[in-house]
C-alpha atoms as a PDB file:
ATOM      1  CA  MET A   1       0.003  -0.006  -0.014  1.00  0.00           C
ATOM      2  CA  PRO A   2       1.416   3.428  -0.923  1.00  0.00           C
ATOM      3  CA  GLY A   3       2.640   5.711   1.817  1.00  0.00           C
ATOM      4  CA  THR A   4       1.184   9.093   2.659  1.00  0.00           C
ATOM      5  CA  LEU A   5       2.496  12.541   1.742  1.00  0.00           C
ATOM      6  CA  PHE A   6       1.914  14.795   4.711  1.00  0.00           C
ATOM      7  CA  VAL A   7       1.826  18.500   3.781  1.00  0.00           C
ATOM      8  CA  VAL A   8       2.947  20.024   7.022  1.00  0.00           C
ATOM      9  CA  ALA A   9       2.544  23.671   7.927  1.00  0.00           C
ATOM     10  CA  THR A  10       5.546  24.993   9.863  1.00  0.00           C
ATOM     11  CA  PRO A  11       5.853  28.038  12.163  1.00  0.00           C
ATOM     12  CA  ILE A  12       6.099  31.537  10.732  1.00  0.00           C
ATOM     13  CA  GLY A  13       8.615  33.118  13.080  1.00  0.00           C
ATOM     14  CA  ASN A  14       8.142  31.511  16.488  1.00  0.00           C
ATOM     15  CA  LEU A  15       9.357  27.878  16.422  1.00  0.00           C
ATOM     16  CA  GLU A  16       6.782  27.016  19.138  1.00  0.00           C
ATOM     17  CA  ASP A  17       3.892  27.788  16.831  1.00  0.00           C
ATOM     18  CA  ILE A  18       3.581  24.215  15.550  1.00  0.00           C
ATOM     19  CA  THR A  19       0.914  21.579  16.272  1.00  0.00           C
ATOM     20  CA  VAL A  20       1.477  18.489  18.350  1.00  0.00           C
ATOM     21  CA  ARG A  21       0.257  16.429  15.326  1.00  0.00           C
ATOM     22  CA  ALA A  22       2.798  18.077  13.028  1.00  0.00           C
ATOM     23  CA  LEU A  23       5.632  17.227  15.487  1.00  0.00           C
ATOM     24  CA  ARG A  24       4.437  13.627  15.654  1.00  0.00           C
ATOM     25  CA  VAL A  25       4.303  13.325  11.894  1.00  0.00           C
ATOM     26  CA  LEU A  26       7.766  14.824  11.504  1.00  0.00           C
ATOM     27  CA  ARG A  27       9.085  12.188  13.899  1.00  0.00           C
ATOM     28  CA  GLU A  28       7.333   9.264  12.264  1.00  0.00           C
ATOM     29  CA  VAL A  29       7.885   9.785   8.517  1.00  0.00           C
ATOM     30  CA  ALA A  30      10.713   8.117   6.578  1.00  0.00           C
ATOM     31  CA  VAL A  31      11.993  11.453   5.273  1.00  0.00           C
ATOM     32  CA  ILE A  32      11.165  15.156   5.330  1.00  0.00           C
ATOM     33  CA  ALA A  33      11.244  17.001   1.985  1.00  0.00           C
ATOM     34  CA  ALA A  34      12.237  20.545   2.929  1.00  0.00           C
ATOM     35  CA  GLU A  35      12.403  23.797   0.911  1.00  0.00           C
ATOM     36  CA  ASP A  36      15.677  24.578   2.744  1.00  0.00           C
ATOM     37  CA  THR A  37      17.189  21.782   4.839  1.00  0.00           C
ATOM     38  CA  ARG A  38      19.257  24.218   6.874  1.00  0.00           C
ATOM     39  CA  ARG A  39      16.217  26.222   8.071  1.00  0.00           C
ATOM     40  CA  THR A  40      14.272  22.993   8.702  1.00  0.00           C
ATOM     41  CA  ALA A  41      17.224  21.693  10.780  1.00  0.00           C
ATOM     42  CA  HIS A  42      16.672  24.521  13.325  1.00  0.00           C
ATOM     43  CA  LEU A  43      12.966  23.558  13.747  1.00  0.00           C
ATOM     44  CA  LEU A  44      13.798  19.872  14.036  1.00  0.00           C
ATOM     45  CA  ALA A  45      16.638  20.406  16.561  1.00  0.00           C
ATOM     46  CA  ARG A  46      14.401  22.674  18.661  1.00  0.00           C
ATOM     47  CA  HIS A  47      11.903  19.814  19.060  1.00  0.00           C
ATOM     48  CA  GLY A  48      14.396  16.923  19.233  1.00  0.00           C
ATOM     49  CA  ILE A  49      13.440  15.381  15.887  1.00  0.00           C
ATOM     50  CA  THR A  50      16.093  13.327  14.121  1.00  0.00           C
ATOM     51  CA  THR A  51      14.272  12.342  10.935  1.00  0.00           C
ATOM     52  CA  SER A  52      16.451  12.709   7.841  1.00  0.00           C
ATOM     53  CA  THR A  53      15.793  15.531   5.390  1.00  0.00           C
ATOM     54  CA  THR A  54      16.137  16.008   1.657  1.00  0.00           C
ATOM     55  CA  SER A  55      15.908  19.252  -0.247  1.00  0.00           C
ATOM     56  CA  LEU A  56      12.895  20.036  -2.420  1.00  0.00           C
ATOM     57  CA  HIS A  57      12.993  23.553  -3.849  1.00  0.00           C
ATOM     58  CA  GLU A  58      12.012  25.374  -7.003  1.00  0.00           C
ATOM     59  CA  HIS A  59      15.192  24.402  -8.760  1.00  0.00           C
ATOM     60  CA  ASN A  60      14.958  20.646  -8.172  1.00  0.00           C
ATOM     61  CA  GLU A  61      11.293  19.846  -7.561  1.00  0.00           C
ATOM     62  CA  ALA A  62      10.562  18.597 -11.039  1.00  0.00           C
ATOM     63  CA  GLY A  63      13.381  16.020 -10.883  1.00  0.00           C
ATOM     64  CA  LYS A  64      13.198  15.127  -7.220  1.00  0.00           C
ATOM     65  CA  SER A  65       9.464  14.468  -7.096  1.00  0.00           C
ATOM     66  CA  ALA A  66       9.769  11.195  -9.011  1.00  0.00           C
ATOM     67  CA  SER A  67      12.183   9.633  -6.498  1.00  0.00           C
ATOM     68  CA  LEU A  68      10.060  10.772  -3.529  1.00  0.00           C
ATOM     69  CA  VAL A  69       6.898   9.341  -5.116  1.00  0.00           C
ATOM     70  CA  ALA A  70       8.807   6.072  -5.780  1.00  0.00           C
ATOM     71  CA  ARG A  71       9.522   5.869  -2.039  1.00  0.00           C
ATOM     72  CA  MET A  72       5.763   6.423  -1.352  1.00  0.00           C
ATOM     73  CA  VAL A  73       4.842   3.656  -3.809  1.00  0.00           C
ATOM     74  CA  ARG A  74       7.124   1.357  -1.748  1.00  0.00           C
ATOM     75  CA  GLY A  75       5.048   2.253   1.325  1.00  0.00           C
ATOM     76  CA  GLU A  76       7.142   4.980   2.923  1.00  0.00           C
ATOM     77  CA  SER A  77       5.474   8.137   4.239  1.00  0.00           C
ATOM     78  CA  ILE A  78       6.953  11.600   3.554  1.00  0.00           C
ATOM     79  CA  ALA A  79       6.492  15.006   5.110  1.00  0.00           C
ATOM     80  CA  LEU A  80       6.657  18.088   2.902  1.00  0.00           C
ATOM     81  CA  VAL A  81       7.584  21.339   4.689  1.00  0.00           C
ATOM     82  CA  SER A  82       8.415  24.879   3.548  1.00  0.00           C
ATOM     83  CA  ASP A  83      10.667  27.408   5.253  1.00  0.00           C
ATOM     84  CA  ALA A  84       7.750  29.006   7.047  1.00  0.00           C
ATOM     85  CA  GLY A  85       4.064  28.489   6.686  1.00  0.00           C
ATOM     86  CA  THR A  86       2.278  26.076   4.356  1.00  0.00           C
ATOM     87  CA  PRO A  87       3.967  24.359   1.442  1.00  0.00           C
ATOM     88  CA  THR A  88       2.683  25.553  -2.017  1.00  0.00           C
ATOM     89  CA  VAL A  89       1.715  28.988  -0.572  1.00  0.00           C
ATOM     90  CA  SER A  90       4.536  31.034  -2.124  1.00  0.00           C
ATOM     91  CA  ALA A  91       6.694  27.913  -1.777  1.00  0.00           C
ATOM     92  CA  PRO A  92       7.364  24.740  -3.801  1.00  0.00           C
ATOM     93  CA  GLY A  93       5.487  21.476  -3.390  1.00  0.00           C
ATOM     94  CA  ALA A  94       2.652  21.508  -5.917  1.00  0.00           C
ATOM     95  CA  LEU A  95       4.527  19.266  -8.388  1.00  0.00           C
ATOM     96  CA  LEU A  96       5.218  16.694  -5.701  1.00  0.00           C
ATOM     97  CA  ILE A  97       1.674  16.717  -4.468  1.00  0.00           C
ATOM     98  CA  ARG A  98       0.342  16.291  -8.006  1.00  0.00           C
ATOM     99  CA  ALA A  99       2.775  13.438  -8.667  1.00  0.00           C
ATOM    100  CA  ALA A 100       1.756  11.694  -5.410  1.00  0.00           C
ATOM    101  CA  ILE A 101      -1.911  11.961  -6.308  1.00  0.00           C
ATOM    102  CA  ASP A 102      -1.302  10.665  -9.864  1.00  0.00           C
ATOM    103  CA  ALA A 103       0.566   7.666  -8.428  1.00  0.00           C
ATOM    104  CA  GLY A 104      -2.357   6.813  -6.213  1.00  0.00           C
ATOM    105  CA  GLY A 105      -0.726   8.067  -3.008  1.00  0.00           C
ATOM    106  CA  ARG A 106      -2.637   9.644  -0.124  1.00  0.00           C
ATOM    107  CA  VAL A 107      -2.061  13.387   0.562  1.00  0.00           C
ATOM    108  CA  ALA A 108      -2.829  14.605   4.066  1.00  0.00           C
ATOM    109  CA  PRO A 109      -2.636  18.324   4.797  1.00  0.00           C
ATOM    110  CA  LEU A 110      -1.798  19.341   8.349  1.00  0.00           C
ATOM    111  CA  ARG A 111      -3.079  22.754   9.391  1.00  0.00           C
ATOM    112  CA  GLY A 112      -0.906  25.345  11.008  1.00  0.00           C
ATOM    113  CA  SER A 113       0.377  28.849  10.685  1.00  0.00           C
ATOM    114  CA  SER A 114      -1.304  31.201   8.201  1.00  0.00           C
ATOM    115  CA  ALA A 115       0.276  34.575   7.463  1.00  0.00           C
ATOM    116  CA  VAL A 116      -2.935  35.689   5.691  1.00  0.00           C
ATOM    117  CA  LEU A 117      -5.226  34.916   8.612  1.00  0.00           C
ATOM    118  CA  GLY A 118      -2.713  36.375  11.031  1.00  0.00           C
ATOM    119  CA  ALA A 119      -2.691  39.629   9.084  1.00  0.00           C
ATOM    120  CA  VAL A 120      -6.460  39.764   8.962  1.00  0.00           C
ATOM    121  CA  ARG A 121      -6.755  39.153  12.710  1.00  0.00           C
ATOM    122  CA  ALA A 122      -3.937  41.491  13.737  1.00  0.00           C
ATOM    123  CA  ARG A 123      -5.562  44.429  11.906  1.00  0.00           C
ATOM    124  CA  GLY A 124      -8.944  43.840  13.510  1.00  0.00           C
ATOM    125  CA  MET A 125     -10.606  43.011  10.156  1.00  0.00           C
ATOM    126  CA  SER A 126     -13.451  40.552   9.828  1.00  0.00           C
ATOM    127  CA  ALA A 127     -12.277  37.203   8.520  1.00  0.00           C
ATOM    128  CA  ALA A 128     -15.746  36.467   7.200  1.00  0.00           C
ATOM    129  CA  ARG A 129     -14.817  37.728   3.742  1.00  0.00           C
ATOM    130  CA  PHE A 130     -11.347  38.595   2.482  1.00  0.00           C
ATOM    131  CA  SER A 131      -9.134  38.299  -0.545  1.00  0.00           C
ATOM    132  CA  ALA A 132      -5.414  37.570  -0.506  1.00  0.00           C
ATOM    133  CA  GLY A 133      -2.617  37.938  -3.057  1.00  0.00           C
ATOM    134  CA  GLY A 134       0.911  36.808  -2.495  1.00  0.00           C
ATOM    135  CA  ARG A 135       4.368  37.567  -3.790  1.00  0.00           C
ATOM    136  CA  ARG A 136       3.490  41.078  -4.860  1.00  0.00           C
ATOM    137  CA  SER A 137       6.285  43.082  -6.404  1.00  0.00           C
ATOM    138  CA  CYS A 138       7.869  46.044  -4.591  1.00  0.00           C
ATOM    139  CA  ARG A 139       8.240  47.796  -7.943  1.00  0.00           C
ATOM    140  CA  ALA A 140       6.307  51.066  -8.192  1.00  0.00           C
ATOM    141  CA  THR A 141       4.977  50.175 -11.597  1.00  0.00           C
ATOM    142  CA  THR A 142       2.749  47.389 -10.231  1.00  0.00           C
ATOM    143  CA  ARG A 143       1.362  49.233  -7.226  1.00  0.00           C
ATOM    144  CA  PRO A 144      -1.357  51.244  -9.102  1.00  0.00           C
ATOM    145  CA  TRP A 145      -2.730  48.017 -10.614  1.00  0.00           C
ATOM    146  CA  GLU A 146      -2.945  46.375  -7.228  1.00  0.00           C
ATOM    147  CA  ALA A 147      -4.629  49.435  -5.623  1.00  0.00           C
ATOM    148  CA  GLY A 148      -7.223  49.537  -8.437  1.00  0.00           C
ATOM    149  CA  ARG A 149      -7.977  45.832  -7.943  1.00  0.00           C
ATOM    150  CA  CYS A 150      -8.675  46.470  -4.268  1.00  0.00           C
ATOM    151  CA  ARG A 151     -11.007  49.364  -5.071  1.00  0.00           C
ATOM    152  CA  ARG A 152     -13.084  47.309  -7.577  1.00  0.00           C
ATOM    153  CA  GLN A 153     -14.945  45.241  -5.051  1.00  0.00           C
ATOM    154  CA  PRO A 154     -18.664  44.552  -5.563  1.00  0.00           C
ATOM    155  CA  ARG A 155     -21.076  47.194  -4.292  1.00  0.00           C
ATOM    156  CA  GLY A 156     -22.044  46.658  -0.705  1.00  0.00           C
ATOM    157  CA  TRP A 157     -19.190  44.288   0.066  1.00  0.00           C
ATOM    158  CA  ARG A 158     -16.984  44.955   3.075  1.00  0.00           C
ATOM    159  CA  LEU A 159     -13.994  42.933   1.855  1.00  0.00           C
ATOM    160  CA  ALA A 160     -10.570  42.961   3.525  1.00  0.00           C
ATOM    161  CA  PHE A 161      -7.624  42.712   1.112  1.00  0.00           C
ATOM    162  CA  VAL A 162      -4.308  41.191   2.213  1.00  0.00           C
ATOM    163  CA  LEU A 163      -1.402  41.796  -0.089  1.00  0.00           C
ATOM    164  CA  TRP A 164       2.137  40.793   0.769  1.00  0.00           C
ATOM    165  CA  ARG A 165       5.301  41.362  -1.155  1.00  0.00           C
ATOM    166  CA  SER A 166       8.455  39.467  -1.750  1.00  0.00           C
ATOM    167  CA  THR A 167      11.397  40.450   0.378  1.00  0.00           C
ATOM    168  CA  ASP A 168      13.704  39.011  -2.312  1.00  0.00           C
ATOM    169  CA  GLU A 169      13.532  42.323  -4.163  1.00  0.00           C
ATOM    170  CA  TYR A 170      15.028  44.482  -1.408  1.00  0.00           C
END
């Protein structure tokens, strides 16, 4: 029987902001596929987890997914983690997840930190209705388009917009 791919949300900032279930899964899987193994090592060390890691980032995901799915087909379970937050939200992982599904593997998402919901709550906005956009550019040429998009909400809606930008451009 194929193993499970656990899509594990990791803390955004505070290493203690992780669920008990996520810690258990990270201890029990055969390997952890990490966006950056060095950053993940800090999280694992903090919680006494010794599971081996392998890198899975935007430059190797297409090639590495096949070997990870092969391990799943043999019955091993794998955890997918990003540097901070949930894999595939401004982070790699979608190709691996799709390959696991196509191979008949089980994919189990584990809830955790959410930068979007944190931003909505921290500003006192209602989380009943909001829109989020990620990886926005810091370039001045794109800002007017984004502002216009926020202003064009349907009449009568009270919609919170959460836009975040890439720090890679600084």
